[in-house]
C-alpha atoms as a PDB file:
ATOM      1  CA  MET A   1     121.289  89.667  51.089  1.00  0.00           C
ATOM      2  CA  THR A   2     123.407  87.633  52.348  1.00  0.00           C
ATOM      3  CA  THR A   3     126.883  88.492  54.053  1.00  0.00           C
ATOM      4  CA  PRO A   4     130.047  86.802  53.111  1.00  0.00           C
ATOM      5  CA  ALA A   5     131.689  84.832  55.517  1.00  0.00           C
ATOM      6  CA  PRO A   6     134.881  86.505  57.451  1.00  0.00           C
ATOM      7  CA  GLY A   7     137.893  86.539  55.331  1.00  0.00           C
ATOM      8  CA  LEU A   8     136.119  86.187  51.786  1.00  0.00           C
ATOM      9  CA  PRO A   9     136.168  89.030  49.587  1.00  0.00           C
ATOM     10  CA  GLN A  10     133.770  91.555  49.860  1.00  0.00           C
ATOM     11  CA  PRO A  11     131.833  93.384  47.269  1.00  0.00           C
ATOM     12  CA  VAL A  12     131.952  97.235  47.400  1.00  0.00           C
ATOM     13  CA  ARG A  13     130.180  99.630  45.641  1.00  0.00           C
ATOM     14  CA  ALA A  14     132.233 103.443  45.362  1.00  0.00           C
ATOM     15  CA  CYS A  15     132.309 106.563  44.048  1.00  0.00           C
ATOM     16  CA  VAL A  16     135.664 106.824  42.580  1.00  0.00           C
ATOM     17  CA  PHE A  17     137.415 110.413  41.869  1.00  0.00           C
ATOM     18  CA  ALA A  18     140.805 111.898  40.766  1.00  0.00           C
ATOM     19  CA  LEU A  19     142.690 113.975  43.348  1.00  0.00           C
ATOM     20  CA  ALA A  20     146.409 114.756  42.378  1.00  0.00           C
ATOM     21  CA  GLY A  21     147.054 112.318  39.767  1.00  0.00           C
ATOM     22  CA  GLN A  22     145.537 109.716  41.847  1.00  0.00           C
ATOM     23  CA  ARG A  23     142.321 107.441  41.725  1.00  0.00           C
ATOM     24  CA  LEU A  24     140.630 107.574  45.163  1.00  0.00           C
ATOM     25  CA  ALA A  25     137.156 106.031  46.008  1.00  0.00           C
ATOM     26  CA  ALA A  26     135.018 106.134  48.749  1.00  0.00           C
ATOM     27  CA  ASP A  27     131.958 103.616  49.449  1.00  0.00           C
ATOM     28  CA  ILE A  28     128.688 104.940  48.686  1.00  0.00           C
ATOM     29  CA  ARG A  29     127.555 103.916  51.999  1.00  0.00           C
ATOM     30  CA  HIS A  30     129.340 106.864  53.275  1.00  0.00           C
ATOM     31  CA  THR A  31     129.081 109.188  49.873  1.00  0.00           C
ATOM     32  CA  ARG A  32     126.059 111.421  50.386  1.00  0.00           C
ATOM     33  CA  GLU A  33     126.161 113.561  47.377  1.00  0.00           C
ATOM     34  CA  VAL A  34     128.536 115.573  44.668  1.00  0.00           C
ATOM     35  CA  VAL A  35     127.967 119.180  44.449  1.00  0.00           C
ATOM     36  CA  VAL A  36     129.824 122.701  43.318  1.00  0.00           C
ATOM     37  CA  LEU A  37     130.606 124.384  46.618  1.00  0.00           C
ATOM     38  CA  ALA A  38     131.570 127.930  44.885  1.00  0.00           C
ATOM     39  CA  ASP A  39     131.026 130.006  48.202  1.00  0.00           C
ATOM     40  CA  ARG A  40     133.328 129.167  50.985  1.00  0.00           C
ATOM     41  CA  THR A  41     134.539 130.652  54.305  1.00  0.00           C
ATOM     42  CA  ALA A  42     137.950 130.548  55.316  1.00  0.00           C
ATOM     43  CA  VAL A  43     138.168 129.467  59.304  1.00  0.00           C
ATOM     44  CA  PRO A  44     141.104 131.718  61.023  1.00  0.00           C
ATOM     45  CA  ARG A  45     143.652 129.410  62.757  1.00  0.00           C
ATOM     46  CA  ALA A  46     142.242 126.014  60.797  1.00  0.00           C
ATOM     47  CA  PRO A  47     144.489 123.337  59.943  1.00  0.00           C
ATOM     48  CA  ALA A  48     145.707 124.081  56.255  1.00  0.00           C
ATOM     49  CA  TYR A  49     143.802 121.380  55.012  1.00  0.00           C
ATOM     50  CA  VAL A  50     140.767 122.714  56.105  1.00  0.00           C
ATOM     51  CA  LEU A  51     139.940 124.979  52.945  1.00  0.00           C
ATOM     52  CA  GLY A  52     136.926 126.343  54.523  1.00  0.00           C
ATOM     53  CA  VAL A  53     133.545 125.937  55.385  1.00  0.00           C
ATOM     54  CA  ALA A  54     130.472 126.010  53.194  1.00  0.00           C
ATOM     55  CA  ASN A  55     126.603 126.518  53.669  1.00  0.00           C
ATOM     56  CA  LEU A  56     124.879 122.894  52.488  1.00  0.00           C
ATOM     57  CA  ARG A  57     121.506 123.320  52.417  1.00  0.00           C
ATOM     58  CA  GLY A  58     121.781 125.193  55.926  1.00  0.00           C
ATOM     59  CA  SER A  59     124.484 123.151  57.475  1.00  0.00           C
ATOM     60  CA  VAL A  60     127.776 124.676  57.849  1.00  0.00           C
ATOM     61  CA  VAL A  61     130.178 121.882  56.355  1.00  0.00           C
ATOM     62  CA  PRO A  62     134.245 121.948  56.807  1.00  0.00           C
ATOM     63  CA  VAL A  63     135.639 121.772  52.997  1.00  0.00           C
ATOM     64  CA  VAL A  64     138.730 119.542  53.400  1.00  0.00           C
ATOM     65  CA  ASP A  65     142.001 119.451  50.993  1.00  0.00           C
ATOM     66  CA  LEU A  66     142.245 115.772  51.187  1.00  0.00           C
ATOM     67  CA  GLY A  67     145.235 115.537  49.305  1.00  0.00           C
ATOM     68  CA  GLN A  68     147.046 117.572  51.807  1.00  0.00           C
ATOM     69  CA  VAL A  69     145.727 114.923  54.662  1.00  0.00           C
ATOM     70  CA  LEU A  70     146.834 111.944  52.510  1.00  0.00           C
ATOM     71  CA  GLY A  71     150.192 113.842  51.396  1.00  0.00           C
ATOM     72  CA  LEU A  72     149.598 113.944  47.768  1.00  0.00           C
ATOM     73  CA  PRO A  73     150.975 116.680  45.680  1.00  0.00           C
ATOM     74  CA  ALA A  74     149.733 120.171  46.497  1.00  0.00           C
ATOM     75  CA  ARG A  75     147.152 121.530  43.729  1.00  0.00           C
ATOM     76  CA  PRO A  76     145.782 125.233  43.732  1.00  0.00           C
ATOM     77  CA  ALA A  77     141.878 125.166  45.446  1.00  0.00           C
ATOM     78  CA  ASP A  78     139.377 125.892  43.064  1.00  0.00           C
ATOM     79  CA  ALA A  79     136.087 127.140  44.316  1.00  0.00           C
ATOM     80  CA  SER A  80     134.492 125.755  40.995  1.00  0.00           C
ATOM     81  CA  LEU A  81     135.439 121.864  41.681  1.00  0.00           C
ATOM     82  CA  ARG A  82     133.066 119.046  41.983  1.00  0.00           C
ATOM     83  CA  THR A  83     133.035 118.367  45.772  1.00  0.00           C
ATOM     84  CA  ILE A  84     132.155 115.120  47.296  1.00  0.00           C
ATOM     85  CA  VAL A  85     130.243 115.128  50.582  1.00  0.00           C
ATOM     86  CA  LEU A  86     131.179 112.151  52.649  1.00  0.00           C
ATOM     87  CA  GLU A  87     129.894 110.893  55.926  1.00  0.00           C
ATOM     88  CA  HIS A  88     130.533 109.009  59.179  1.00  0.00           C
ATOM     89  CA  GLY A  89     128.515 109.148  62.618  1.00  0.00           C
ATOM     90  CA  GLY A  90     126.522 112.113  61.651  1.00  0.00           C
ATOM     91  CA  VAL A  91     129.437 114.369  60.798  1.00  0.00           C
ATOM     92  CA  GLN A  92     130.055 115.801  57.071  1.00  0.00           C
ATOM     93  CA  ILE A  93     133.087 116.656  54.952  1.00  0.00           C
ATOM     94  CA  ALA A  94     133.321 118.308  51.574  1.00  0.00           C
ATOM     95  CA  VAL A  95     136.273 117.008  49.928  1.00  0.00           C
ATOM     96  CA  PRO A  96     136.912 118.955  46.357  1.00  0.00           C
ATOM     97  CA  ALA A  97     138.040 116.343  43.549  1.00  0.00           C
ATOM     98  CA  ASP A  98     139.645 117.343  40.010  1.00  0.00           C
ATOM     99  CA  GLU A  99     137.392 114.506  38.522  1.00  0.00           C
ATOM    100  CA  VAL A 100     134.430 112.548  39.806  1.00  0.00           C
ATOM    101  CA  LEU A 101     134.760 109.212  37.457  1.00  0.00           C
ATOM    102  CA  GLY A 102     131.485 107.703  38.364  1.00  0.00           C
ATOM    103  CA  LEU A 103     130.015 105.029  40.860  1.00  0.00           C
ATOM    104  CA  GLU A 104     131.560 101.683  40.086  1.00  0.00           C
ATOM    105  CA  SER A 105     130.939  98.215  41.780  1.00  0.00           C
ATOM    106  CA  PHE A 106     134.121  96.178  42.480  1.00  0.00           C
ATOM    107  CA  GLU A 107     134.151  92.267  43.754  1.00  0.00           C
ATOM    108  CA  SER A 108     136.560  92.406  46.373  1.00  0.00           C
ATOM    109  CA  ILE A 109     139.090  94.923  47.895  1.00  0.00           C
ATOM    110  CA  LEU A 110     142.539  94.194  47.307  1.00  0.00           C
ATOM    111  CA  PRO A 111     145.250  94.710  50.155  1.00  0.00           C
ATOM    112  CA  ARG A 112     147.313  97.827  49.942  1.00  0.00           C
ATOM    113  CA  ASP A 113     150.829  97.351  48.615  1.00  0.00           C
ATOM    114  CA  GLU A 114     152.775  97.845  51.815  1.00  0.00           C
ATOM    115  CA  SER A 115     155.970  98.211  50.199  1.00  0.00           C
ATOM    116  CA  VAL A 116     154.830 101.475  48.459  1.00  0.00           C
ATOM    117  CA  PRO A 117     155.497 104.139  51.492  1.00  0.00           C
ATOM    118  CA  ARG A 118     152.529 106.141  51.939  1.00  0.00           C
ATOM    119  CA  PRO A 119     151.743 108.941  54.096  1.00  0.00           C
ATOM    120  CA  HIS A 120     148.474 108.488  56.221  1.00  0.00           C
ATOM    121  CA  GLY A 121     148.168 105.159  55.223  1.00  0.00           C
ATOM    122  CA  GLU A 122     146.198 104.090  58.007  1.00  0.00           C
ATOM    123  CA  LEU A 123     143.296 106.122  56.608  1.00  0.00           C
ATOM    124  CA  THR A 124     142.768 103.717  53.290  1.00  0.00           C
ATOM    125  CA  LEU A 125     141.664 100.229  53.182  1.00  0.00           C
ATOM    126  CA  GLY A 126     142.888  98.745  50.277  1.00  0.00           C
ATOM    127  CA  LEU A 127     142.979  98.813  46.139  1.00  0.00           C
ATOM    128  CA  LEU A 128     140.108  98.128  44.106  1.00  0.00           C
ATOM    129  CA  ARG A 129     140.863  96.852  40.548  1.00  0.00           C
ATOM    130  CA  ARG A 130     139.530  98.868  37.795  1.00  0.00           C
ATOM    131  CA  SER A 131     139.625  98.357  33.938  1.00  0.00           C
ATOM    132  CA  ASP A 132     142.750 100.950  33.938  1.00  0.00           C
ATOM    133  CA  GLY A 133     144.180 100.426  37.022  1.00  0.00           C
ATOM    134  CA  THR A 134     143.303 100.677  40.250  1.00  0.00           C
ATOM    135  CA  ALA A 135     141.795 103.297  42.655  1.00  0.00           C
ATOM    136  CA  THR A 136     142.572 103.424  46.534  1.00  0.00           C
ATOM    137  CA  LEU A 137     139.597 102.749  48.579  1.00  0.00           C
ATOM    138  CA  LEU A 138     139.252 105.436  51.520  1.00  0.00           C
ATOM    139  CA  ASP A 139     138.562 104.554  55.199  1.00  0.00           C
ATOM    140  CA  VAL A 140     135.760 107.228  55.368  1.00  0.00           C
ATOM    141  CA  PRO A 141     134.945 106.293  59.131  1.00  0.00           C
ATOM    142  CA  ARG A 142     138.644 107.010  60.170  1.00  0.00           C
ATOM    143  CA  LEU A 143     139.181 109.827  57.705  1.00  0.00           C
ATOM    144  CA  VAL A 144     136.194 111.530  59.215  1.00  0.00           C
ATOM    145  CA  ASP A 145     137.122 110.869  62.416  1.00  0.00           C
ATOM    146  CA  ALA A 146     140.590 112.144  62.211  1.00  0.00           C
ATOM    147  CA  ILE A 147     139.590 115.462  60.462  1.00  0.00           C
ATOM    148  CA  ARG A 148     137.025 115.951  63.554  1.00  0.00           C
ATOM    149  CA  VAL A 149     139.885 115.491  66.050  1.00  0.00           C
ATOM    150  CA  GLY A 150     142.331 117.974  64.503  1.00  0.00           C
ATOM    151  CA  GLY A 151     144.093 115.719  61.800  1.00  0.00           C
ATOM    152  CA  PRO A 152     145.461 112.082  61.420  1.00  0.00           C
ATOM    153  CA  ASP A 153     149.140 113.259  62.703  1.00  0.00           C
ATOM    154  CA  ARG A 154     149.403 117.093  63.766  1.00  0.00           C
ATOM    155  CA  SER A 155     153.167 116.929  63.574  1.00  0.00           C
ATOM    156  CA  THR A 156     153.177 115.990  59.468  1.00  0.00           C
ATOM    157  CA  VAL A 157     150.210 118.083  58.439  1.00  0.00           C
ATOM    158  CA  PRO A 158     150.389 121.946  58.478  1.00  0.00           C
ATOM    159  CA  HIS A 159     148.318 124.332  59.782  1.00  0.00           C
ATOM    160  CA  ARG A 160     147.402 127.629  58.508  1.00  0.00           C
ATOM    161  CA  GLU A 161     148.523 130.927  60.126  1.00  0.00           C
ATOM    162  CA  SER A 162     145.609 132.887  59.965  1.00  0.00           C
ATOM    163  CA  THR A 163     144.463 136.294  61.807  1.00  0.00           C
ATOM    164  CA  GLY A 164     141.517 137.284  59.745  1.00  0.00           C
ATOM    165  CA  ASN A 165     138.543 135.694  58.103  1.00  0.00           C
ATOM    166  CA  ARG A 166     138.989 135.778  54.252  1.00  0.00           C
ATOM    167  CA  ALA A 167     137.025 134.095  51.577  1.00  0.00           C
ATOM    168  CA  ALA A 168     138.678 131.272  49.789  1.00  0.00           C
END
């Protein structure tokens, strides 16, 4: 396989999914699997975007409401949703999606439209052109790192006030 020269469009293969009316995508190099994590346990004093943790074949994985992290409209957390497991640097997070649209190949990444205000835009790499529009390509390494250290911006992502351990 040859590596494109710097500055030239790079092909991408991504898992495309829908969340809060938006089409998002994650590079398959960071996408581990799609599962249903029906049982999760709430984590006291966790940020509001952490829906809880789940057991994934013996590993405890945080379940993250990506919509809250990206500033998308709120939606009810449903334990029966398909969940995309993303990984970077040995750290996994589970992201519930409204719908998984599948794996697709893209010729290149289009730049973000900088004129459109988007909360936490630093967590995206650009746009992928699809036959029915575009999907926003997530910067999974930055996303995982941001979640791991407490969130993209502690001042805008609310924290859940909780004193007990309740199931989500």
